[in-house]
């Protein structure tokens, strides 16, 4: 796909993705929705890409759906058309969780509605002191349960805290986000990329297979029916990772106190 609203930069095994509609605080118009869905769906097959960093250009991460470009045609055609339109957006976060690469979100400034959902669907969230996140849907006549927010937020901060934010649409700032464990780090805007690079570097110490299977197992363990189910997945992954040269290289690099070089 020829991306118009995403800036893509490949740096070895790392893909840096920047949502690029700064004049609209990177609000999601139809074209950006299509581009994000195409990007994350395609990453499932791109195993040469091992980590993704997702950010927003300008002074915001993503202000949610662009209401000025909202298309009422599907809604006017009834429930069926509305559900099709809705699924085009919600497929983005499902693709983000399905793709094997860990996603580091660099959340600068506002992350509301759909932007909040993109941040929650990421694996690691680094923010600036100006971050403001909320389930904005409920403030414009909709339910706060949208684009995976009702799935992700209670699992991250607990049902009681999630209820308070989702029923009111209140904002989560940098200090509160760190207290809740929602944000992994808060740094100045000039240090955002460097902080993300530090997480990327540490992730790349893992073998390619080990990194993919860790994200996969974490996804399953969150909803595992029992301890036995989670451990069965862990046992399977450890035996898979222990096969081949990458595991031996990882052990050698650790013992020799050097960077690993995986095939």
Protein backbone atom coordinates (compact mmCIF):
# COMPACT_ATOMS: atom_id res chain seq x y z
CA UNK A 1 0.00 0.00 0.00
CA UNK A 2 1.21 3.51 -0.82
CA UNK A 3 1.00 5.18 2.59
CA UNK A 4 -0.08 8.83 2.69
CA UNK A 5 -0.51 9.31 6.44
CA UNK A 6 2.15 6.96 7.82
CA UNK A 7 5.89 7.59 7.75
CA UNK A 8 7.73 4.26 7.69
CA UNK A 9 11.42 3.89 8.54
CA UNK A 10 13.19 0.54 8.64
CA UNK A 11 16.29 0.38 10.82
CA UNK A 12 17.56 -3.17 10.53
CA UNK A 13 15.04 -5.39 12.35
CA UNK A 14 13.15 -2.38 13.77
CA UNK A 15 10.23 -0.66 12.05
CA UNK A 16 9.58 2.94 13.11
CA UNK A 17 6.01 3.99 12.26
CA UNK A 18 4.83 7.60 12.62
CA UNK A 19 1.21 8.63 12.18
CA UNK A 20 1.49 11.79 10.14
CA UNK A 21 -1.50 14.13 10.30
CA UNK A 22 -0.07 16.62 12.79
CA UNK A 23 -2.47 19.38 11.78
CA UNK A 24 -5.30 17.16 13.09
CA UNK A 25 -3.37 15.70 16.07
CA UNK A 26 -3.07 12.54 13.94
CA UNK A 27 -6.81 11.91 14.10
CA UNK A 28 -7.94 8.76 12.31
CA UNK A 29 -9.52 9.48 8.94
CA UNK A 30 -10.62 6.72 6.60
CA UNK A 31 -7.30 6.60 4.79
CA UNK A 32 -5.23 6.31 7.97
CA UNK A 33 -7.51 3.56 9.26
CA UNK A 34 -6.90 1.61 6.04
CA UNK A 35 -3.16 2.20 6.24
CA UNK A 36 -2.83 1.11 9.87
CA UNK A 37 -4.90 -2.01 9.21
CA UNK A 38 -2.80 -2.86 6.15
CA UNK A 39 0.47 -2.28 8.03
CA UNK A 40 -0.26 -4.41 11.08
CA UNK A 41 -1.96 -7.18 9.12
CA UNK A 42 1.06 -7.41 6.81
CA UNK A 43 3.52 -7.55 9.73
CA UNK A 44 2.27 -11.04 10.60
CA UNK A 45 4.37 -12.40 7.73
CA UNK A 46 7.39 -10.09 8.05
CA UNK A 47 9.59 -12.02 10.46
CA UNK A 48 12.65 -10.01 9.45
CA UNK A 49 11.01 -7.14 11.36
CA UNK A 50 11.39 -7.96 15.05
CA UNK A 51 10.18 -4.82 16.87
CA UNK A 52 7.80 -1.97 15.93
CA UNK A 53 7.83 1.55 17.37
CA UNK A 54 4.59 3.49 16.88
CA UNK A 55 4.40 7.26 17.40
CA UNK A 56 2.65 10.41 16.24
CA UNK A 57 4.03 13.45 14.43
CA UNK A 58 3.77 16.89 16.00
CA UNK A 59 2.30 17.56 19.43
CA UNK A 60 -0.01 14.56 19.75
CA UNK A 61 -0.07 10.78 19.49
CA UNK A 62 -3.60 10.35 18.11
CA UNK A 63 -6.74 12.30 18.96
CA UNK A 64 -9.06 9.44 17.94
CA UNK A 65 -11.54 9.35 15.08
CA UNK A 66 -11.55 12.43 12.87
CA UNK A 67 -15.13 13.59 13.47
CA UNK A 68 -14.86 16.21 10.73
CA UNK A 69 -14.43 13.41 8.19
CA UNK A 70 -16.95 11.06 9.77
CA UNK A 71 -18.97 9.11 7.23
CA UNK A 72 -22.61 8.60 8.24
CA UNK A 73 -23.52 6.63 5.12
CA UNK A 74 -23.01 3.18 6.67
CA UNK A 75 -24.99 4.12 9.77
CA UNK A 76 -27.81 5.44 7.65
CA UNK A 77 -27.92 2.10 5.85
CA UNK A 78 -28.60 0.39 9.18
CA UNK A 79 -26.92 -1.96 11.62
CA UNK A 80 -25.23 -4.14 8.98
CA UNK A 81 -23.44 -1.24 7.31
CA UNK A 82 -22.47 0.25 10.66
CA UNK A 83 -20.94 -3.02 11.85
CA UNK A 84 -18.86 -3.30 8.67
CA UNK A 85 -17.55 0.23 9.17
CA UNK A 86 -16.84 -0.41 12.85
CA UNK A 87 -14.94 -3.63 12.16
CA UNK A 88 -12.64 -1.83 9.72
CA UNK A 89 -11.33 0.13 12.70
CA UNK A 90 -11.37 -2.58 15.38
CA UNK A 91 -9.43 -4.95 13.13
CA UNK A 92 -6.41 -2.67 13.66
CA UNK A 93 -6.01 -3.53 17.35
CA UNK A 94 -6.66 -7.22 16.70
CA UNK A 95 -3.91 -7.18 14.08
CA UNK A 96 -1.61 -5.39 16.54
CA UNK A 97 -2.05 -8.18 19.08
CA UNK A 98 -1.84 -10.89 16.41
CA UNK A 99 1.38 -9.68 14.78
CA UNK A 100 4.47 -11.37 16.27
CA UNK A 101 6.47 -8.18 16.82
CA UNK A 102 6.36 -6.36 20.18
CA UNK A 103 5.02 -2.82 19.69
CA UNK A 104 6.48 0.11 21.59
CA UNK A 105 4.14 3.13 21.63
CA UNK A 106 5.74 6.55 22.06
CA UNK A 107 2.79 8.56 23.36
CA UNK A 108 3.42 12.27 23.06
CA UNK A 109 0.50 14.43 24.13
CA UNK A 110 -3.16 13.48 23.51
CA UNK A 111 -4.17 9.84 23.03
CA UNK A 112 -7.96 9.86 23.06
CA UNK A 113 -10.60 7.43 21.83
CA UNK A 114 -9.06 5.44 19.02
CA UNK A 115 -5.63 6.82 19.91
CA UNK A 116 -6.08 5.50 23.46
CA UNK A 117 -6.98 2.11 21.96
CA UNK A 118 -3.80 2.09 19.83
CA UNK A 119 -1.68 2.84 22.89
CA UNK A 120 -3.39 0.10 24.92
CA UNK A 121 -2.96 -2.44 22.11
CA UNK A 122 0.80 -1.85 22.17
CA UNK A 123 3.07 -3.91 24.40
CA UNK A 124 5.07 -1.07 25.95
CA UNK A 125 4.00 2.56 26.43
CA UNK A 126 6.50 5.40 26.80
CA UNK A 127 4.99 8.85 27.30
CA UNK A 128 5.89 12.50 27.63
CA UNK A 129 4.79 14.61 30.63
CA UNK A 130 2.07 16.15 28.42
CA UNK A 131 0.31 12.83 27.79
CA UNK A 132 -3.48 12.83 28.22
CA UNK A 133 -5.33 9.57 27.58
CA UNK A 134 -9.02 8.83 27.83
CA UNK A 135 -11.91 6.75 26.52
CA UNK A 136 -13.37 9.76 24.73
CA UNK A 137 -16.12 7.75 23.05
CA UNK A 138 -18.45 8.14 26.05
CA UNK A 139 -18.17 11.94 25.82
CA UNK A 140 -19.64 12.07 22.32
CA UNK A 141 -22.75 9.95 22.84
CA UNK A 142 -21.21 6.49 22.44
CA UNK A 143 -20.22 3.69 24.79
CA UNK A 144 -16.71 3.81 26.28
CA UNK A 145 -16.36 0.14 25.32
CA UNK A 146 -14.84 0.48 21.87
CA UNK A 147 -11.87 -0.73 19.79
CA UNK A 148 -10.70 -3.14 22.49
CA UNK A 149 -10.55 -0.62 25.35
CA UNK A 150 -12.96 -2.65 27.52
CA UNK A 151 -10.66 -5.67 27.04
CA UNK A 152 -7.27 -4.05 27.54
CA UNK A 153 -7.80 -1.46 30.27
CA UNK A 154 -9.28 -3.67 33.06
CA UNK A 155 -6.54 -6.23 32.49
CA UNK A 156 -3.87 -3.55 32.81
CA UNK A 157 -5.12 -1.46 35.74
CA UNK A 158 -7.93 -3.53 37.30
CA UNK A 159 -11.70 -3.42 36.90
CA UNK A 160 -12.36 -0.75 39.53
CA UNK A 161 -9.88 1.79 38.14
CA UNK A 162 -10.94 1.02 34.57
CA UNK A 163 -14.61 1.57 35.47
CA UNK A 164 -13.85 5.01 36.90
CA UNK A 165 -12.12 6.15 33.71
CA UNK A 166 -14.48 4.50 31.25
CA UNK A 167 -17.76 5.56 32.87
CA UNK A 168 -16.63 9.19 33.09
CA UNK A 169 -14.26 9.67 30.16
CA UNK A 170 -11.80 11.28 32.57
CA UNK A 171 -8.22 11.78 31.46
CA UNK A 172 -5.21 9.81 32.64
CA UNK A 173 -2.15 12.04 32.90
CA UNK A 174 1.52 11.05 33.07
CA UNK A 175 1.76 10.80 36.86
CA UNK A 176 -1.43 8.77 37.24
CA UNK A 177 -0.51 6.59 34.26
CA UNK A 178 2.75 5.60 35.92
CA UNK A 179 1.07 4.98 39.27
CA UNK A 180 -1.41 2.64 37.59
CA UNK A 181 1.35 0.78 35.73
CA UNK A 182 -0.14 1.84 32.42
CA UNK A 183 2.99 3.75 31.35
CA UNK A 184 6.38 2.06 31.39
CA UNK A 185 8.33 5.34 31.36
CA UNK A 186 7.75 9.09 31.21
CA UNK A 187 10.47 11.20 29.59
CA UNK A 188 10.84 14.59 27.93
CA UNK A 189 9.85 14.80 24.29
CA UNK A 190 13.50 15.22 23.27
CA UNK A 191 14.31 11.88 24.94
CA UNK A 192 11.33 9.90 23.64
CA UNK A 193 13.11 8.23 20.72
CA UNK A 194 16.18 7.43 22.82
CA UNK A 195 14.02 5.79 25.49
CA UNK A 196 12.23 3.74 22.83
CA UNK A 197 15.60 2.75 21.33
CA UNK A 198 16.66 1.45 24.75
CA UNK A 199 13.63 -0.84 24.93
CA UNK A 200 14.25 -1.97 21.34
CA UNK A 201 17.89 -2.76 22.08
CA UNK A 202 16.95 -4.88 25.09
CA UNK A 203 14.26 -6.71 23.11
CA UNK A 204 16.74 -7.52 20.36
CA UNK A 205 18.89 -9.38 22.91
CA UNK A 206 16.22 -12.09 22.69
CA UNK A 207 16.39 -14.60 19.88
CA UNK A 208 13.90 -13.87 17.06
CA UNK A 209 11.87 -16.95 17.98
CA UNK A 210 12.05 -16.26 21.72
CA UNK A 211 10.75 -12.72 21.26
CA UNK A 212 7.83 -13.81 19.06
CA UNK A 213 6.82 -16.67 21.33
CA UNK A 214 7.00 -14.48 24.43
CA UNK A 215 4.46 -12.05 22.98
CA UNK A 216 2.28 -14.93 21.84
CA UNK A 217 2.37 -16.69 25.21
CA UNK A 218 1.65 -13.48 27.12
CA UNK A 219 -1.43 -12.93 24.95
CA UNK A 220 -2.70 -16.42 25.73
CA UNK A 221 -1.72 -16.43 29.41
CA UNK A 222 -3.83 -13.33 30.13
CA UNK A 223 -6.94 -15.35 29.28
CA UNK A 224 -5.66 -18.80 30.23
CA UNK A 225 -8.26 -20.99 31.90
CA UNK A 226 -5.82 -22.32 34.47
CA UNK A 227 -2.21 -22.35 35.66
CA UNK A 228 -1.80 -25.69 33.90
CA UNK A 229 -2.86 -24.17 30.57
CA UNK A 230 -0.36 -21.33 30.91
CA UNK A 231 2.46 -23.67 31.90
CA UNK A 232 1.70 -26.01 28.99
CA UNK A 233 2.21 -23.05 26.65
CA UNK A 234 5.42 -22.07 28.46
CA UNK A 235 6.79 -25.62 28.30
CA UNK A 236 6.07 -25.83 24.59
CA UNK A 237 7.74 -22.47 23.91
CA UNK A 238 10.89 -23.28 25.89
CA UNK A 239 11.45 -26.52 24.01
CA UNK A 240 10.88 -24.77 20.67
CA UNK A 241 13.32 -21.98 21.57
CA UNK A 242 15.98 -24.43 22.72
CA UNK A 243 16.30 -25.91 19.23
CA UNK A 244 18.83 -24.58 16.71
CA UNK A 245 21.79 -22.23 16.61
CA UNK A 246 20.15 -19.08 18.00
CA UNK A 247 19.81 -20.61 21.47
CA UNK A 248 23.45 -21.69 21.47
CA UNK A 249 24.49 -18.22 20.27
CA UNK A 250 22.44 -16.62 23.05
CA UNK A 251 24.17 -18.75 25.70
CA UNK A 252 27.60 -18.04 24.21
CA UNK A 253 26.99 -14.28 24.05
CA UNK A 254 25.82 -14.24 27.68
CA UNK A 255 28.85 -16.19 28.92
CA UNK A 256 31.27 -14.13 26.81
CA UNK A 257 29.62 -10.82 27.82
CA UNK A 258 29.05 -9.66 24.22
CA UNK A 259 26.19 -8.77 21.89
CA UNK A 260 24.46 -11.82 20.36
CA UNK A 261 24.47 -12.30 16.60
CA UNK A 262 21.45 -14.29 15.47
CA UNK A 263 21.07 -15.87 12.07
